[in-house]
Amino acid sequence: MFSKTNKPAQPVPAKPAPAPIESPQINLNRSQAAQAPRPAAKLSGLGSGLVIDGNITGNGDLHLDGTVRGDVKCGHLIVGESGSIEGKVEADTIEVRGRIVGSISGKQVKLQATAYVEGDITHEALAIDVGAYFQGRCLQSRRVDAPVGATSPSVSSPAASTSDYGSPSLGTYDISALGDLK
């Protein structure tokens, strides 16, 4: 019935290594159709103890908790609550939880409740949470796509006019002037 034979131990097949975890893509209320496909980028981080005197430039995504004294240009920027930038900021999407002193330029800009911003913001879409501090001007820029083969009318567009500051007045808002309205 039972026979005693020594069988070699069968090797246990190795489990495949789990797939690496990708950094989440942050979507600031963008519809998927409006989003241009871009390859998944790794999120780079600068820690709270780091101070950089100089510019940061790249196409990647950046989470900043340290201090930068210089200009920052990247694909997507998150300024953490302990993050601070003294300089010009340019990115497709910008989420501010910390402090920025300087101009901001992005397609989508969001100031969280803990944000402190001194400087002008040029944007296509802007969201400011209750509690955020903002001192400056909002300059809304819109992308105008004309149909192919269409002729433009001879009426001057609002983008052709200029404000008192010498810049285009399309969607220009002076937040400090709103306090005068009563």
N, C-alpha and C. Protein backbone atom coordinates (compact mmCIF):
# COMPACT_ATOMS: atom_id res chain seq x y z
N MET A 1 0.81 -1.16 0.00
CA MET A 1 0.00 0.00 0.00
C MET A 1 0.87 1.25 0.00
N PHE A 2 1.64 1.45 1.02
CA PHE A 2 2.55 2.59 1.06
C PHE A 2 3.96 2.09 0.90
N SER A 3 4.70 2.78 0.10
CA SER A 3 6.09 2.40 -0.05
C SER A 3 6.94 3.57 0.37
N LYS A 4 8.04 3.26 0.99
CA LYS A 4 8.95 4.29 1.46
C LYS A 4 10.02 4.50 0.41
N THR A 5 9.86 5.58 -0.32
CA THR A 5 10.89 5.93 -1.27
C THR A 5 11.25 7.39 -1.02
N ASN A 6 12.48 7.69 -1.15
CA ASN A 6 12.94 9.06 -0.95
C ASN A 6 12.80 9.82 -2.27
N LYS A 7 11.89 10.75 -2.25
CA LYS A 7 11.71 11.60 -3.42
C LYS A 7 12.40 12.93 -3.14
N PRO A 8 13.10 13.48 -4.14
CA PRO A 8 13.72 14.78 -3.91
C PRO A 8 12.62 15.83 -3.70
N ALA A 9 12.92 16.80 -2.84
CA ALA A 9 11.95 17.87 -2.55
C ALA A 9 11.72 18.70 -3.79
N GLN A 10 10.46 18.94 -4.06
CA GLN A 10 10.10 19.76 -5.21
C GLN A 10 10.34 21.23 -4.87
N PRO A 11 11.05 21.96 -5.74
CA PRO A 11 11.26 23.39 -5.45
C PRO A 11 9.95 24.16 -5.57
N VAL A 12 9.76 25.07 -4.65
CA VAL A 12 8.56 25.89 -4.66
C VAL A 12 8.78 27.01 -5.69
N PRO A 13 7.83 27.15 -6.62
CA PRO A 13 8.03 28.21 -7.62
C PRO A 13 8.05 29.58 -6.94
N ALA A 14 8.97 30.42 -7.39
CA ALA A 14 9.11 31.76 -6.81
C ALA A 14 7.94 32.63 -7.25
N LYS A 15 7.45 33.43 -6.32
CA LYS A 15 6.36 34.35 -6.65
C LYS A 15 6.93 35.51 -7.45
N PRO A 16 6.18 35.98 -8.44
CA PRO A 16 6.68 37.13 -9.19
C PRO A 16 6.74 38.37 -8.28
N ALA A 17 7.75 39.20 -8.54
CA ALA A 17 7.91 40.42 -7.74
C ALA A 17 6.72 41.34 -7.99
N PRO A 18 6.24 42.00 -6.93
CA PRO A 18 5.12 42.91 -7.13
C PRO A 18 5.54 44.09 -8.03
N ALA A 19 4.57 44.59 -8.77
CA ALA A 19 4.85 45.72 -9.67
C ALA A 19 5.19 46.95 -8.85
N PRO A 20 6.14 47.77 -9.33
CA PRO A 20 6.49 48.96 -8.58
C PRO A 20 5.30 49.91 -8.48
N ILE A 21 5.21 50.60 -7.38
CA ILE A 21 4.11 51.53 -7.16
C ILE A 21 4.43 52.83 -7.87
N GLU A 22 3.51 53.26 -8.70
CA GLU A 22 3.68 54.51 -9.45
C GLU A 22 3.25 55.68 -8.58
N SER A 23 3.85 56.83 -8.80
CA SER A 23 3.42 58.05 -8.13
C SER A 23 2.05 58.43 -8.66
N PRO A 24 1.16 58.86 -7.79
CA PRO A 24 -0.17 59.22 -8.27
C PRO A 24 -0.11 60.49 -9.13
N GLN A 25 -0.89 60.49 -10.20
CA GLN A 25 -1.02 61.68 -11.02
C GLN A 25 -2.08 62.55 -10.39
N ILE A 26 -1.76 63.77 -10.08
CA ILE A 26 -2.68 64.67 -9.40
C ILE A 26 -3.49 65.42 -10.44
N ASN A 27 -4.79 65.40 -10.28
CA ASN A 27 -5.70 66.01 -11.22
C ASN A 27 -6.46 67.10 -10.49
N LEU A 28 -6.24 68.35 -10.84
CA LEU A 28 -6.94 69.46 -10.20
C LEU A 28 -8.20 69.78 -10.98
N ASN A 29 -9.20 68.91 -10.88
CA ASN A 29 -10.51 69.08 -11.50
C ASN A 29 -10.43 69.20 -13.01
N ARG A 30 -9.54 68.49 -13.64
CA ARG A 30 -9.46 68.49 -15.09
C ARG A 30 -10.26 67.31 -15.60
N SER A 31 -10.99 67.51 -16.68
CA SER A 31 -11.67 66.38 -17.30
C SER A 31 -10.63 65.55 -18.03
N GLN A 32 -10.87 64.27 -18.10
CA GLN A 32 -9.91 63.38 -18.75
C GLN A 32 -9.77 63.70 -20.23
N ALA A 33 -10.86 64.18 -20.86
CA ALA A 33 -10.79 64.50 -22.28
C ALA A 33 -9.90 65.71 -22.54
N ALA A 34 -9.90 66.67 -21.62
CA ALA A 34 -9.10 67.88 -21.80
C ALA A 34 -7.64 67.65 -21.45
N GLN A 35 -7.35 66.55 -20.78
CA GLN A 35 -6.00 66.28 -20.34
C GLN A 35 -5.19 65.69 -21.48
N ALA A 36 -4.07 66.29 -21.79
CA ALA A 36 -3.19 65.75 -22.82
C ALA A 36 -2.46 64.55 -22.24
N PRO A 37 -2.40 63.44 -22.96
CA PRO A 37 -1.70 62.29 -22.42
C PRO A 37 -0.21 62.57 -22.30
N ARG A 38 0.33 62.26 -21.14
CA ARG A 38 1.76 62.43 -20.94
C ARG A 38 2.26 61.22 -20.17
N PRO A 39 3.48 60.85 -20.40
CA PRO A 39 3.99 59.67 -19.72
C PRO A 39 4.02 59.87 -18.21
N ALA A 40 3.83 58.78 -17.48
CA ALA A 40 3.83 58.85 -16.04
C ALA A 40 5.20 59.35 -15.55
N ALA A 41 5.16 60.42 -14.81
CA ALA A 41 6.40 61.00 -14.31
C ALA A 41 6.54 60.69 -12.83
N LYS A 42 7.74 60.50 -12.42
CA LYS A 42 8.01 60.27 -11.01
C LYS A 42 7.93 61.60 -10.27
N LEU A 43 7.42 61.57 -9.05
CA LEU A 43 7.30 62.77 -8.24
C LEU A 43 8.60 62.95 -7.47
N SER A 44 9.29 64.05 -7.73
CA SER A 44 10.52 64.35 -7.00
C SER A 44 10.15 65.17 -5.77
N GLY A 45 10.91 65.03 -4.73
CA GLY A 45 10.62 65.76 -3.50
C GLY A 45 11.84 66.46 -2.95
N LEU A 46 11.62 67.62 -2.38
CA LEU A 46 12.67 68.35 -1.67
C LEU A 46 12.20 68.50 -0.22
N GLY A 47 12.96 67.95 0.70
CA GLY A 47 12.57 67.89 2.10
C GLY A 47 12.58 69.23 2.81
N SER A 48 11.97 69.24 4.00
CA SER A 48 11.78 70.48 4.74
C SER A 48 13.09 71.08 5.25
N GLY A 49 14.14 70.32 5.40
CA GLY A 49 15.40 70.86 5.88
C GLY A 49 16.30 71.39 4.77
N LEU A 50 15.85 71.32 3.53
CA LEU A 50 16.67 71.68 2.39
C LEU A 50 16.46 73.13 1.99
N VAL A 51 17.55 73.87 1.79
CA VAL A 51 17.50 75.25 1.31
C VAL A 51 18.30 75.32 0.02
N ILE A 52 17.67 75.82 -1.05
CA ILE A 52 18.33 75.92 -2.34
C ILE A 52 18.39 77.38 -2.74
N ASP A 53 19.59 77.88 -2.98
CA ASP A 53 19.79 79.23 -3.52
C ASP A 53 20.12 79.08 -4.99
N GLY A 54 19.09 79.18 -5.84
CA GLY A 54 19.27 79.00 -7.27
C GLY A 54 17.97 78.56 -7.91
N ASN A 55 18.01 78.39 -9.21
CA ASN A 55 16.81 78.05 -9.97
C ASN A 55 16.65 76.54 -10.09
N ILE A 56 15.40 76.10 -10.20
CA ILE A 56 15.08 74.70 -10.44
C ILE A 56 14.31 74.65 -11.75
N THR A 57 14.79 73.85 -12.70
CA THR A 57 14.15 73.75 -14.01
C THR A 57 14.05 72.29 -14.41
N GLY A 58 12.91 71.91 -14.96
CA GLY A 58 12.72 70.55 -15.44
C GLY A 58 11.31 70.35 -15.92
N ASN A 59 11.05 69.16 -16.48
CA ASN A 59 9.72 68.83 -16.97
C ASN A 59 8.96 67.94 -16.01
N GLY A 60 9.61 67.44 -14.99
CA GLY A 60 9.00 66.49 -14.07
C GLY A 60 8.09 67.15 -13.06
N ASP A 61 7.59 66.32 -12.15
CA ASP A 61 6.70 66.77 -11.08
C ASP A 61 7.53 66.96 -9.81
N LEU A 62 7.19 67.99 -9.03
CA LEU A 62 7.99 68.34 -7.86
C LEU A 62 7.10 68.60 -6.67
N HIS A 63 7.43 67.99 -5.54
CA HIS A 63 6.79 68.28 -4.26
C HIS A 63 7.84 68.97 -3.40
N LEU A 64 7.58 70.22 -3.03
CA LEU A 64 8.58 71.03 -2.34
C LEU A 64 8.14 71.29 -0.91
N ASP A 65 8.94 70.83 0.04
CA ASP A 65 8.71 71.14 1.44
C ASP A 65 9.84 71.99 2.01
N GLY A 66 10.88 72.21 1.23
CA GLY A 66 12.01 73.02 1.66
C GLY A 66 11.87 74.45 1.21
N THR A 67 12.99 75.16 1.15
CA THR A 67 13.01 76.57 0.77
C THR A 67 13.83 76.74 -0.51
N VAL A 68 13.27 77.49 -1.46
CA VAL A 68 13.97 77.79 -2.70
C VAL A 68 14.02 79.30 -2.85
N ARG A 69 15.23 79.83 -3.01
CA ARG A 69 15.41 81.26 -3.29
C ARG A 69 15.86 81.35 -4.74
N GLY A 70 14.90 81.38 -5.63
CA GLY A 70 15.16 81.38 -7.06
C GLY A 70 13.90 80.98 -7.80
N ASP A 71 13.99 80.88 -9.10
CA ASP A 71 12.84 80.55 -9.94
C ASP A 71 12.66 79.03 -10.01
N VAL A 72 11.38 78.62 -10.12
CA VAL A 72 11.05 77.20 -10.22
C VAL A 72 10.20 77.01 -11.47
N LYS A 73 10.63 76.09 -12.34
CA LYS A 73 9.87 75.78 -13.55
C LYS A 73 9.84 74.26 -13.70
N CYS A 74 8.62 73.69 -13.71
CA CYS A 74 8.47 72.24 -13.81
C CYS A 74 7.10 71.90 -14.40
N GLY A 75 6.81 70.61 -14.52
CA GLY A 75 5.55 70.18 -15.09
C GLY A 75 4.38 70.35 -14.13
N HIS A 76 4.53 69.84 -12.92
CA HIS A 76 3.51 69.93 -11.89
C HIS A 76 4.22 70.25 -10.58
N LEU A 77 3.69 71.21 -9.84
CA LEU A 77 4.34 71.65 -8.61
C LEU A 77 3.37 71.60 -7.44
N ILE A 78 3.81 71.00 -6.36
CA ILE A 78 3.09 71.05 -5.09
C ILE A 78 4.03 71.70 -4.09
N VAL A 79 3.60 72.82 -3.52
CA VAL A 79 4.36 73.47 -2.45
C VAL A 79 3.70 73.05 -1.14
N GLY A 80 4.39 72.21 -0.37
CA GLY A 80 3.85 71.71 0.89
C GLY A 80 3.73 72.81 1.93
N GLU A 81 3.09 72.49 3.05
CA GLU A 81 2.84 73.48 4.11
C GLU A 81 4.13 74.09 4.64
N SER A 82 5.21 73.34 4.65
CA SER A 82 6.49 73.90 5.12
C SER A 82 7.33 74.42 3.96
N GLY A 83 6.82 74.35 2.73
CA GLY A 83 7.55 74.79 1.56
C GLY A 83 7.50 76.30 1.38
N SER A 84 8.56 76.85 0.80
CA SER A 84 8.66 78.29 0.59
C SER A 84 9.46 78.56 -0.68
N ILE A 85 8.92 79.46 -1.52
CA ILE A 85 9.62 79.86 -2.74
C ILE A 85 9.66 81.38 -2.78
N GLU A 86 10.84 81.92 -3.02
CA GLU A 86 11.02 83.35 -3.23
C GLU A 86 11.55 83.51 -4.65
N GLY A 87 10.64 83.67 -5.59
CA GLY A 87 11.02 83.77 -6.99
C GLY A 87 9.83 83.47 -7.88
N LYS A 88 10.09 83.45 -9.16
CA LYS A 88 9.05 83.22 -10.16
C LYS A 88 8.76 81.72 -10.27
N VAL A 89 7.46 81.38 -10.38
CA VAL A 89 7.04 79.98 -10.46
C VAL A 89 6.27 79.76 -11.75
N GLU A 90 6.66 78.71 -12.52
CA GLU A 90 5.98 78.32 -13.75
C GLU A 90 5.79 76.83 -13.76
N ALA A 91 4.53 76.38 -13.98
CA ALA A 91 4.22 74.96 -14.10
C ALA A 91 2.85 74.83 -14.75
N ASP A 92 2.57 73.64 -15.28
CA ASP A 92 1.24 73.41 -15.85
C ASP A 92 0.18 73.47 -14.76
N THR A 93 0.40 72.73 -13.69
CA THR A 93 -0.51 72.74 -12.55
C THR A 93 0.30 73.07 -11.30
N ILE A 94 -0.27 73.93 -10.47
CA ILE A 94 0.42 74.38 -9.26
C ILE A 94 -0.57 74.28 -8.10
N GLU A 95 -0.14 73.60 -7.05
CA GLU A 95 -0.94 73.50 -5.84
C GLU A 95 -0.10 74.07 -4.70
N VAL A 96 -0.63 75.13 -4.06
CA VAL A 96 0.15 75.83 -3.03
C VAL A 96 -0.50 75.59 -1.67
N ARG A 97 0.28 75.01 -0.78
CA ARG A 97 -0.13 74.85 0.62
C ARG A 97 0.77 75.68 1.52
N GLY A 98 1.92 76.08 0.99
CA GLY A 98 2.92 76.82 1.75
C GLY A 98 2.99 78.27 1.31
N ARG A 99 4.22 78.78 1.12
CA ARG A 99 4.45 80.21 0.92
C ARG A 99 5.16 80.45 -0.42
N ILE A 100 4.63 81.41 -1.20
CA ILE A 100 5.29 81.84 -2.43
C ILE A 100 5.29 83.36 -2.44
N VAL A 101 6.48 83.94 -2.62
CA VAL A 101 6.61 85.38 -2.81
C VAL A 101 7.23 85.56 -4.19
N GLY A 102 6.38 85.94 -5.14
CA GLY A 102 6.81 86.08 -6.52
C GLY A 102 5.66 85.75 -7.45
N SER A 103 5.87 85.96 -8.74
CA SER A 103 4.80 85.72 -9.70
C SER A 103 4.62 84.23 -9.95
N ILE A 104 3.37 83.86 -10.25
CA ILE A 104 3.00 82.47 -10.51
C ILE A 104 2.36 82.41 -11.89
N SER A 105 2.75 81.44 -12.70
CA SER A 105 2.17 81.27 -14.02
C SER A 105 1.90 79.79 -14.24
N GLY A 106 0.61 79.46 -14.48
CA GLY A 106 0.26 78.07 -14.71
C GLY A 106 -1.10 77.94 -15.34
N LYS A 107 -1.35 76.78 -15.93
CA LYS A 107 -2.67 76.55 -16.50
C LYS A 107 -3.70 76.42 -15.40
N GLN A 108 -3.40 75.65 -14.38
CA GLN A 108 -4.31 75.46 -13.26
C GLN A 108 -3.56 75.75 -11.97
N VAL A 109 -4.11 76.66 -11.18
CA VAL A 109 -3.48 77.06 -9.93
C VAL A 109 -4.50 76.89 -8.82
N LYS A 110 -4.09 76.25 -7.74
CA LYS A 110 -4.97 76.07 -6.58
C LYS A 110 -4.24 76.52 -5.33
N LEU A 111 -4.85 77.45 -4.59
CA LEU A 111 -4.31 77.90 -3.31
C LEU A 111 -5.12 77.23 -2.21
N GLN A 112 -4.47 76.35 -1.46
CA GLN A 112 -5.14 75.67 -0.35
C GLN A 112 -5.32 76.64 0.81
N ALA A 113 -6.06 76.23 1.83
CA ALA A 113 -6.37 77.10 2.97
C ALA A 113 -5.12 77.57 3.71
N THR A 114 -4.03 76.83 3.66
CA THR A 114 -2.81 77.19 4.37
C THR A 114 -1.84 78.00 3.51
N ALA A 115 -2.24 78.35 2.29
CA ALA A 115 -1.36 79.05 1.35
C ALA A 115 -1.16 80.51 1.73
N TYR A 116 0.06 81.01 1.43
CA TYR A 116 0.41 82.42 1.59
C TYR A 116 1.10 82.82 0.30
N VAL A 117 0.45 83.69 -0.48
CA VAL A 117 1.00 84.08 -1.77
C VAL A 117 1.02 85.59 -1.89
N GLU A 118 2.19 86.13 -2.21
CA GLU A 118 2.36 87.56 -2.54
C GLU A 118 2.92 87.63 -3.94
N GLY A 119 2.09 88.06 -4.89
CA GLY A 119 2.54 88.16 -6.27
C GLY A 119 1.38 87.92 -7.22
N ASP A 120 1.59 88.26 -8.46
CA ASP A 120 0.56 88.11 -9.47
C ASP A 120 0.46 86.65 -9.92
N ILE A 121 -0.77 86.23 -10.25
CA ILE A 121 -1.02 84.87 -10.71
C ILE A 121 -1.60 84.95 -12.12
N THR A 122 -0.91 84.35 -13.09
CA THR A 122 -1.41 84.23 -14.45
C THR A 122 -1.87 82.79 -14.61
N HIS A 123 -3.12 82.58 -15.03
CA HIS A 123 -3.71 81.26 -15.00
C HIS A 123 -4.80 81.11 -16.06
N GLU A 124 -5.17 79.87 -16.35
CA GLU A 124 -6.38 79.56 -17.10
C GLU A 124 -7.49 79.22 -16.14
N ALA A 125 -7.18 78.52 -15.05
CA ALA A 125 -8.15 78.17 -14.02
C ALA A 125 -7.51 78.43 -12.66
N LEU A 126 -8.28 79.05 -11.75
CA LEU A 126 -7.77 79.39 -10.43
C LEU A 126 -8.78 79.01 -9.37
N ALA A 127 -8.33 78.37 -8.30
CA ALA A 127 -9.17 78.02 -7.16
C ALA A 127 -8.46 78.50 -5.91
N ILE A 128 -9.20 79.24 -5.07
CA ILE A 128 -8.64 79.74 -3.81
C ILE A 128 -9.54 79.27 -2.68
N ASP A 129 -9.00 78.45 -1.78
CA ASP A 129 -9.76 77.96 -0.64
C ASP A 129 -9.92 79.05 0.41
N VAL A 130 -10.98 78.93 1.21
CA VAL A 130 -11.21 79.85 2.31
C VAL A 130 -10.06 79.73 3.29
N GLY A 131 -9.49 80.85 3.70
CA GLY A 131 -8.37 80.86 4.63
C GLY A 131 -7.04 81.12 3.96
N ALA A 132 -6.96 80.98 2.65
CA ALA A 132 -5.71 81.24 1.95
C ALA A 132 -5.46 82.74 1.91
N TYR A 133 -4.19 83.14 2.04
CA TYR A 133 -3.81 84.56 1.94
C TYR A 133 -3.26 84.78 0.55
N PHE A 134 -3.79 85.80 -0.13
CA PHE A 134 -3.32 86.14 -1.46
C PHE A 134 -3.31 87.64 -1.61
N GLN A 135 -2.15 88.19 -1.98
CA GLN A 135 -2.00 89.62 -2.24
C GLN A 135 -1.36 89.75 -3.61
N GLY A 136 -2.13 90.27 -4.57
CA GLY A 136 -1.61 90.43 -5.91
C GLY A 136 -2.75 90.52 -6.90
N ARG A 137 -2.41 90.34 -8.17
CA ARG A 137 -3.42 90.39 -9.23
C ARG A 137 -3.61 89.01 -9.83
N CYS A 138 -4.84 88.74 -10.28
CA CYS A 138 -5.16 87.53 -11.03
C CYS A 138 -5.27 87.90 -12.49
N LEU A 139 -4.48 87.28 -13.32
CA LEU A 139 -4.51 87.54 -14.75
C LEU A 139 -4.93 86.26 -15.45
N GLN A 140 -6.18 86.24 -15.92
CA GLN A 140 -6.67 85.02 -16.56
C GLN A 140 -6.30 85.02 -18.03
N SER A 141 -5.66 83.96 -18.46
CA SER A 141 -5.32 83.81 -19.87
C SER A 141 -6.17 82.68 -20.41
N ARG A 142 -6.70 82.89 -21.60
CA ARG A 142 -7.52 81.86 -22.22
C ARG A 142 -6.92 81.50 -23.54
N ARG A 143 -6.99 80.23 -23.84
CA ARG A 143 -6.53 79.74 -25.12
C ARG A 143 -7.69 79.87 -26.09
N VAL A 144 -7.50 80.61 -27.17
CA VAL A 144 -8.54 80.81 -28.17
C VAL A 144 -8.16 79.99 -29.40
N ASP A 145 -8.99 79.00 -29.72
CA ASP A 145 -8.76 78.17 -30.89
C ASP A 145 -9.71 78.59 -31.99
N ALA A 146 -9.19 79.16 -33.07
CA ALA A 146 -10.01 79.57 -34.20
C ALA A 146 -10.18 78.39 -35.14
N PRO A 147 -11.37 78.22 -35.72
CA PRO A 147 -11.56 77.13 -36.67
C PRO A 147 -10.64 77.30 -37.87
N VAL A 148 -10.22 76.21 -38.46
CA VAL A 148 -9.32 76.25 -39.60
C VAL A 148 -10.05 76.86 -40.78
N GLY A 149 -9.44 77.82 -41.45
CA GLY A 149 -10.02 78.46 -42.61
C GLY A 149 -10.96 79.60 -42.29
N ALA A 150 -11.24 79.83 -41.01
CA ALA A 150 -12.14 80.92 -40.63
C ALA A 150 -11.39 82.23 -40.65
N THR A 151 -12.07 83.28 -41.08
CA THR A 151 -11.45 84.59 -41.08
C THR A 151 -11.83 85.29 -39.80
N SER A 152 -10.90 86.01 -39.24
CA SER A 152 -11.19 86.72 -38.00
C SER A 152 -11.89 88.04 -38.32
N PRO A 153 -12.88 88.40 -37.49
CA PRO A 153 -13.56 89.67 -37.73
C PRO A 153 -12.65 90.83 -37.43
N SER A 154 -13.03 92.01 -37.96
CA SER A 154 -12.19 93.18 -37.80
C SER A 154 -12.44 93.90 -36.48
N VAL A 155 -13.18 93.26 -35.56
CA VAL A 155 -13.44 93.85 -34.26
C VAL A 155 -12.22 93.58 -33.38
N SER A 156 -11.79 94.60 -32.66
CA SER A 156 -10.61 94.40 -31.80
C SER A 156 -11.00 93.54 -30.61
N SER A 157 -10.11 92.64 -30.25
CA SER A 157 -10.38 91.74 -29.14
C SER A 157 -9.95 92.39 -27.84
N PRO A 158 -10.52 91.92 -26.71
CA PRO A 158 -10.11 92.48 -25.42
C PRO A 158 -8.64 92.26 -25.15
N ALA A 159 -8.04 91.24 -25.75
CA ALA A 159 -6.62 90.97 -25.50
C ALA A 159 -5.75 92.07 -26.10
N ALA A 160 -6.29 92.82 -27.06
CA ALA A 160 -5.51 93.86 -27.68
C ALA A 160 -5.43 95.11 -26.82
N SER A 161 -6.37 95.28 -25.91
CA SER A 161 -6.33 96.46 -25.04
C SER A 161 -5.37 96.22 -23.89
N THR A 162 -4.93 97.30 -23.29
CA THR A 162 -3.99 97.16 -22.18
C THR A 162 -4.58 97.83 -20.95
N SER A 163 -4.14 97.38 -19.79
CA SER A 163 -4.59 97.95 -18.53
C SER A 163 -3.70 99.12 -18.14
N ASP A 164 -3.99 99.68 -16.97
CA ASP A 164 -3.18 100.78 -16.45
C ASP A 164 -1.74 100.35 -16.18
N TYR A 165 -1.53 99.06 -16.05
CA TYR A 165 -0.20 98.55 -15.72
C TYR A 165 0.61 98.25 -16.97
N GLY A 166 0.02 98.43 -18.17
CA GLY A 166 0.75 98.19 -19.40
C GLY A 166 0.71 96.75 -19.86
N SER A 167 -0.04 95.89 -19.17
CA SER A 167 -0.16 94.50 -19.56
C SER A 167 -1.55 94.26 -20.13
N PRO A 168 -1.76 93.16 -20.86
CA PRO A 168 -3.09 92.89 -21.41
C PRO A 168 -4.13 92.85 -20.31
N SER A 169 -5.32 93.36 -20.60
CA SER A 169 -6.34 93.46 -19.56
C SER A 169 -7.36 92.33 -19.64
N LEU A 170 -7.15 91.33 -20.45
CA LEU A 170 -8.09 90.23 -20.56
C LEU A 170 -8.17 89.49 -19.23
N GLY A 171 -9.30 89.55 -18.59
CA GLY A 171 -9.51 88.82 -17.35
C GLY A 171 -8.66 89.32 -16.20
N THR A 172 -8.31 90.59 -16.16
CA THR A 172 -7.47 91.12 -15.11
C THR A 172 -8.34 91.55 -13.93
N TYR A 173 -7.96 91.13 -12.76
CA TYR A 173 -8.69 91.48 -11.55
C TYR A 173 -7.71 92.04 -10.54
N ASP A 174 -8.06 93.13 -9.92
CA ASP A 174 -7.24 93.70 -8.85
C ASP A 174 -7.98 93.44 -7.55
N ILE A 175 -7.53 92.45 -6.78
CA ILE A 175 -8.21 92.02 -5.57
C ILE A 175 -8.26 93.15 -4.55
N SER A 176 -7.20 93.96 -4.44
CA SER A 176 -7.19 95.01 -3.44
C SER A 176 -8.24 96.07 -3.74
N ALA A 177 -8.65 96.22 -5.00
CA ALA A 177 -9.67 97.21 -5.35
C ALA A 177 -11.06 96.76 -4.92
N LEU A 178 -11.25 95.46 -4.69
CA LEU A 178 -12.55 94.97 -4.29
C LEU A 178 -12.94 95.48 -2.91
N GLY A 179 -11.98 95.81 -2.08
CA GLY A 179 -12.27 96.35 -0.76
C GLY A 179 -12.89 97.73 -0.82
N ASP A 180 -12.69 98.45 -1.93
CA ASP A 180 -13.26 99.77 -2.09
C ASP A 180 -14.73 99.75 -2.43
N LEU A 181 -15.23 98.59 -2.87
CA LEU A 181 -16.63 98.46 -3.26
C LEU A 181 -17.49 98.28 -2.02
N LYS A 182 -18.41 99.20 -1.79
CA LYS A 182 -19.32 99.08 -0.64
C LYS A 182 -20.66 99.63 -0.98
